[in-house]
N, C-alpha and C. Protein backbone atom coordinates (compact mmCIF):
# COMPACT_ATOMS: atom_id res chain seq x y z
N MET A 1 -11.52 -6.07 -7.56
CA MET A 1 -10.47 -7.14 -8.42
C MET A 1 -10.94 -8.31 -7.66
N THR A 2 -10.75 -9.47 -8.35
CA THR A 2 -11.16 -10.80 -7.88
C THR A 2 -10.20 -11.49 -7.89
N ALA A 3 -9.98 -12.24 -7.25
CA ALA A 3 -8.76 -13.48 -7.51
C ALA A 3 -9.01 -14.57 -6.18
N ASN A 4 -8.72 -15.69 -6.24
CA ASN A 4 -8.73 -16.76 -5.51
C ASN A 4 -8.40 -16.55 -4.28
N ALA A 5 -8.72 -16.41 -2.86
CA ALA A 5 -8.72 -15.85 -1.84
C ALA A 5 -7.04 -16.70 -1.13
N SER A 6 -6.49 -17.79 -1.74
CA SER A 6 -5.94 -18.30 -1.41
C SER A 6 -4.67 -17.60 -1.93
N GLU A 7 -4.57 -16.86 -3.12
CA GLU A 7 -3.92 -16.02 -3.93
C GLU A 7 -3.40 -14.68 -3.56
N THR A 8 -4.37 -13.63 -2.55
CA THR A 8 -4.50 -12.68 -1.97
C THR A 8 -4.76 -12.79 -0.75
N VAL A 9 -4.48 -11.09 -0.30
CA VAL A 9 -4.86 -10.57 1.35
C VAL A 9 -5.71 -9.82 0.98
N ARG A 10 -6.60 -9.59 1.95
CA ARG A 10 -7.21 -8.20 1.74
C ARG A 10 -6.44 -7.53 2.95
N ILE A 11 -5.86 -5.63 2.20
CA ILE A 11 -5.22 -4.83 2.96
C ILE A 11 -6.31 -3.70 2.84
N TYR A 12 -5.59 -2.40 3.36
CA TYR A 12 -6.66 -1.33 3.23
C TYR A 12 -5.79 -0.39 2.85
N ILE A 13 -5.80 0.20 1.71
CA ILE A 13 -5.20 1.39 1.39
C ILE A 13 -6.20 2.87 1.05
N ASN A 14 -5.60 3.77 1.95
CA ASN A 14 -6.72 5.14 2.16
C ASN A 14 -8.40 4.57 2.23
N ALA A 15 -8.39 3.86 3.70
CA ALA A 15 -9.20 3.22 3.87
C ALA A 15 -10.08 2.46 3.27
N ARG A 16 -9.85 2.10 2.01
CA ARG A 16 -10.26 1.47 0.90
C ARG A 16 -10.05 -0.36 0.41
N PRO A 17 -10.58 -1.01 0.94
CA PRO A 17 -10.47 -2.64 0.60
C PRO A 17 -9.61 -2.71 -0.80
N VAL A 18 -8.74 -3.45 -0.40
CA VAL A 18 -7.77 -3.44 -1.71
C VAL A 18 -7.37 -5.16 -1.57
N ASP A 19 -7.55 -5.71 -2.43
CA ASP A 19 -7.38 -7.02 -2.32
C ASP A 19 -5.24 -7.35 -3.37
N ALA A 20 -4.37 -7.54 -2.13
CA ALA A 20 -3.48 -7.52 -3.00
C ALA A 20 -2.51 -9.10 -2.82
N ASP A 21 -1.97 -9.22 -4.32
CA ASP A 21 -1.37 -10.55 -4.30
C ASP A 21 -0.60 -10.84 -3.20
N ARG A 22 -0.67 -12.36 -2.41
CA ARG A 22 -0.09 -12.83 -1.47
C ARG A 22 1.56 -12.62 -1.59
N GLY A 23 2.07 -12.25 -0.63
CA GLY A 23 3.54 -11.85 -0.99
C GLY A 23 4.20 -10.33 -1.67
N ALA A 24 2.90 -9.41 -1.85
CA ALA A 24 3.21 -8.30 -1.95
C ALA A 24 4.09 -7.31 -1.26
N THR A 25 4.41 -6.46 -1.86
CA THR A 25 5.21 -5.15 -0.91
C THR A 25 4.01 -3.70 -0.68
N PRO A 26 3.96 -2.86 0.07
CA PRO A 26 3.17 -2.23 0.04
C PRO A 26 3.03 -1.10 -1.52
N LEU A 27 3.98 -0.92 -1.81
CA LEU A 27 4.39 -0.42 -2.99
C LEU A 27 3.61 -1.09 -4.32
N ALA A 28 4.02 -2.34 -4.42
CA ALA A 28 3.29 -3.36 -5.39
C ALA A 28 1.59 -3.34 -4.89
N ALA A 29 1.27 -3.41 -3.69
CA ALA A 29 -0.41 -3.42 -4.01
C ALA A 29 -0.76 -2.31 -4.28
N LEU A 30 -0.09 -0.86 -4.08
CA LEU A 30 -0.52 0.35 -4.44
C LEU A 30 -0.61 0.23 -5.98
N GLU A 31 0.64 -0.09 -6.61
CA GLU A 31 0.78 -0.25 -8.06
C GLU A 31 -0.33 -0.82 -8.73
N ARG A 32 -0.84 -1.98 -8.11
CA ARG A 32 -2.46 -2.36 -8.54
C ARG A 32 -3.10 -1.66 -8.33
N HIS A 33 -3.33 -1.15 -7.25
CA HIS A 33 -4.73 -0.20 -6.92
C HIS A 33 -4.76 0.87 -7.41
N ASP A 34 -3.40 1.88 -7.46
CA ASP A 34 -3.66 3.07 -8.08
C ASP A 34 -2.17 3.56 -8.59
N PRO A 35 -2.10 3.16 -10.11
CA PRO A 35 -0.60 3.14 -10.63
C PRO A 35 0.29 4.87 -10.46
N ALA A 36 -1.01 5.80 -10.49
CA ALA A 36 -0.57 7.31 -10.41
C ALA A 36 -0.26 7.71 -9.08
N ALA A 37 -0.69 7.27 -7.68
CA ALA A 37 -0.25 7.11 -6.64
C ALA A 37 1.19 6.13 -6.67
N ALA A 38 1.16 5.31 -6.99
CA ALA A 38 2.26 4.39 -6.83
C ALA A 38 3.77 5.38 -7.59
N THR A 39 3.63 5.97 -8.74
CA THR A 39 4.30 6.68 -9.56
C THR A 39 4.81 7.98 -8.47
N LEU A 40 3.67 8.66 -7.69
CA LEU A 40 4.25 9.65 -6.87
C LEU A 40 4.96 9.26 -5.73
N VAL A 41 4.91 8.27 -4.86
CA VAL A 41 5.64 7.69 -4.20
C VAL A 41 6.87 7.64 -4.70
N ARG A 42 7.02 7.09 -6.03
CA ARG A 42 8.82 6.59 -6.39
C ARG A 42 9.06 7.70 -6.77
N GLN A 43 8.39 8.72 -7.45
CA GLN A 43 8.92 10.16 -7.45
C GLN A 43 9.60 10.99 -6.20
N GLY A 44 8.90 10.47 -4.90
CA GLY A 44 9.30 10.91 -3.64
C GLY A 44 8.15 12.50 -2.93
N SER A 45 7.46 12.48 -3.96
CA SER A 45 6.22 13.60 -3.63
C SER A 45 4.97 13.11 -2.30
N ARG A 46 4.91 11.74 -2.19
CA ARG A 46 4.09 10.84 -1.65
C ARG A 46 4.82 9.74 -1.03
N VAL A 47 4.24 9.49 0.27
CA VAL A 47 4.70 8.28 1.11
C VAL A 47 3.52 7.56 1.73
N ILE A 48 3.89 6.26 1.58
CA ILE A 48 3.37 5.37 2.19
C ILE A 48 3.45 5.14 3.68
N VAL A 49 2.20 5.32 4.31
CA VAL A 49 2.23 5.43 5.69
C VAL A 49 1.74 4.27 6.12
N ASP A 50 2.08 3.82 7.81
CA ASP A 50 1.50 2.39 8.41
C ASP A 50 0.33 3.01 9.07
N HIS A 51 -0.55 2.33 9.86
CA HIS A 51 -1.67 2.56 10.77
C HIS A 51 -1.56 3.43 11.61
N ARG A 52 -0.27 3.64 12.33
CA ARG A 52 0.43 4.36 13.07
C ARG A 52 0.78 5.80 12.47
N GLY A 53 0.87 5.96 11.15
CA GLY A 53 1.31 6.93 10.37
C GLY A 53 3.07 7.45 10.11
N LEU A 54 3.28 6.05 10.32
CA LEU A 54 5.24 5.56 10.24
C LEU A 54 5.30 5.10 8.64
N PRO A 55 5.90 5.63 8.29
CA PRO A 55 6.43 5.24 6.64
C PRO A 55 6.86 4.07 6.85
N ALA A 56 5.84 3.24 6.04
CA ALA A 56 5.89 2.01 5.61
C ALA A 56 6.85 1.65 5.11
N PRO A 57 7.61 -0.14 5.52
CA PRO A 57 8.89 -0.31 5.01
C PRO A 57 8.46 -0.69 3.52
N LEU A 58 9.01 -0.25 2.93
CA LEU A 58 8.65 -0.62 1.28
C LEU A 58 9.12 -1.73 0.88
N GLU A 59 9.71 -2.19 1.50
CA GLU A 59 10.21 -4.03 1.02
C GLU A 59 9.88 -4.81 1.95
N GLU A 60 9.15 -4.74 2.97
CA GLU A 60 8.67 -5.77 3.81
C GLU A 60 7.14 -6.17 2.55
N VAL A 61 6.72 -7.75 3.09
CA VAL A 61 5.14 -7.87 2.72
C VAL A 61 4.46 -7.95 3.60
N VAL A 62 2.95 -7.33 2.91
CA VAL A 62 2.13 -6.79 3.55
C VAL A 62 1.30 -8.48 3.76
N THR A 63 0.49 -8.04 5.11
CA THR A 63 -0.13 -9.22 5.59
C THR A 63 -1.61 -8.97 5.70
N ASN A 64 -2.35 -9.77 5.81
CA ASN A 64 -4.20 -9.79 5.89
C ASN A 64 -4.21 -8.73 6.91
N GLY A 65 -5.10 -7.70 6.57
CA GLY A 65 -5.46 -6.87 7.41
C GLY A 65 -4.53 -5.43 7.81
N SER A 66 -3.56 -5.33 6.66
CA SER A 66 -2.83 -3.97 6.43
C SER A 66 -3.51 -3.15 6.81
N ILE A 67 -3.05 -1.63 7.17
CA ILE A 67 -3.78 -0.76 6.94
C ILE A 67 -2.61 0.17 6.33
N PHE A 68 -2.48 1.04 5.11
CA PHE A 68 -1.69 2.29 4.55
C PHE A 68 -2.80 3.02 4.22
N ARG A 69 -1.94 4.32 4.10
CA ARG A 69 -2.07 5.25 3.68
C ARG A 69 -1.15 6.32 2.84
N VAL A 70 -1.84 6.60 2.00
CA VAL A 70 -0.56 7.61 1.09
C VAL A 70 -0.61 9.17 1.50
N VAL A 71 0.10 9.80 1.98
CA VAL A 71 0.17 11.15 2.43
C VAL A 71 1.68 11.57 1.46
N SER A 72 1.59 13.06 1.89
CA SER A 72 2.53 14.04 1.19
C SER A 72 3.69 13.75 2.20
N SER A 73 4.95 13.53 1.13
CA SER A 73 6.00 13.60 2.06
C SER A 73 6.66 14.53 2.79
N LYS A 74 5.58 15.94 3.09
CA LYS A 74 6.03 16.63 4.03
C LYS A 74 5.08 16.38 5.12
N GLN A 75 4.12 15.85 4.53
CA GLN A 75 3.18 15.67 5.98
C GLN A 75 3.30 14.08 6.54
N ALA A 76 4.49 13.07 6.39
CA ALA A 76 5.15 12.39 6.76
C ALA A 76 6.42 13.01 7.64
N SER A 77 6.81 13.95 7.46
CA SER A 77 8.43 14.06 7.70
C SER A 77 8.06 15.11 9.31
């Protein structure tokens, strides 16, 4: 993904660097990076967790350096 640095922030999803749109939510960033995984999150079989392993608030805006993992919903509970 290439974009002007002022328009994106660098985050990490499953240990891979991702350039997310500035103002994106974790789910929107995942959708751009891995649409199939985003679908699983919407269906409830997967959950986006933060660097501590806690479910990430999906309505919050990602910030530069944010770290997320996509895990089984059973694993996150």
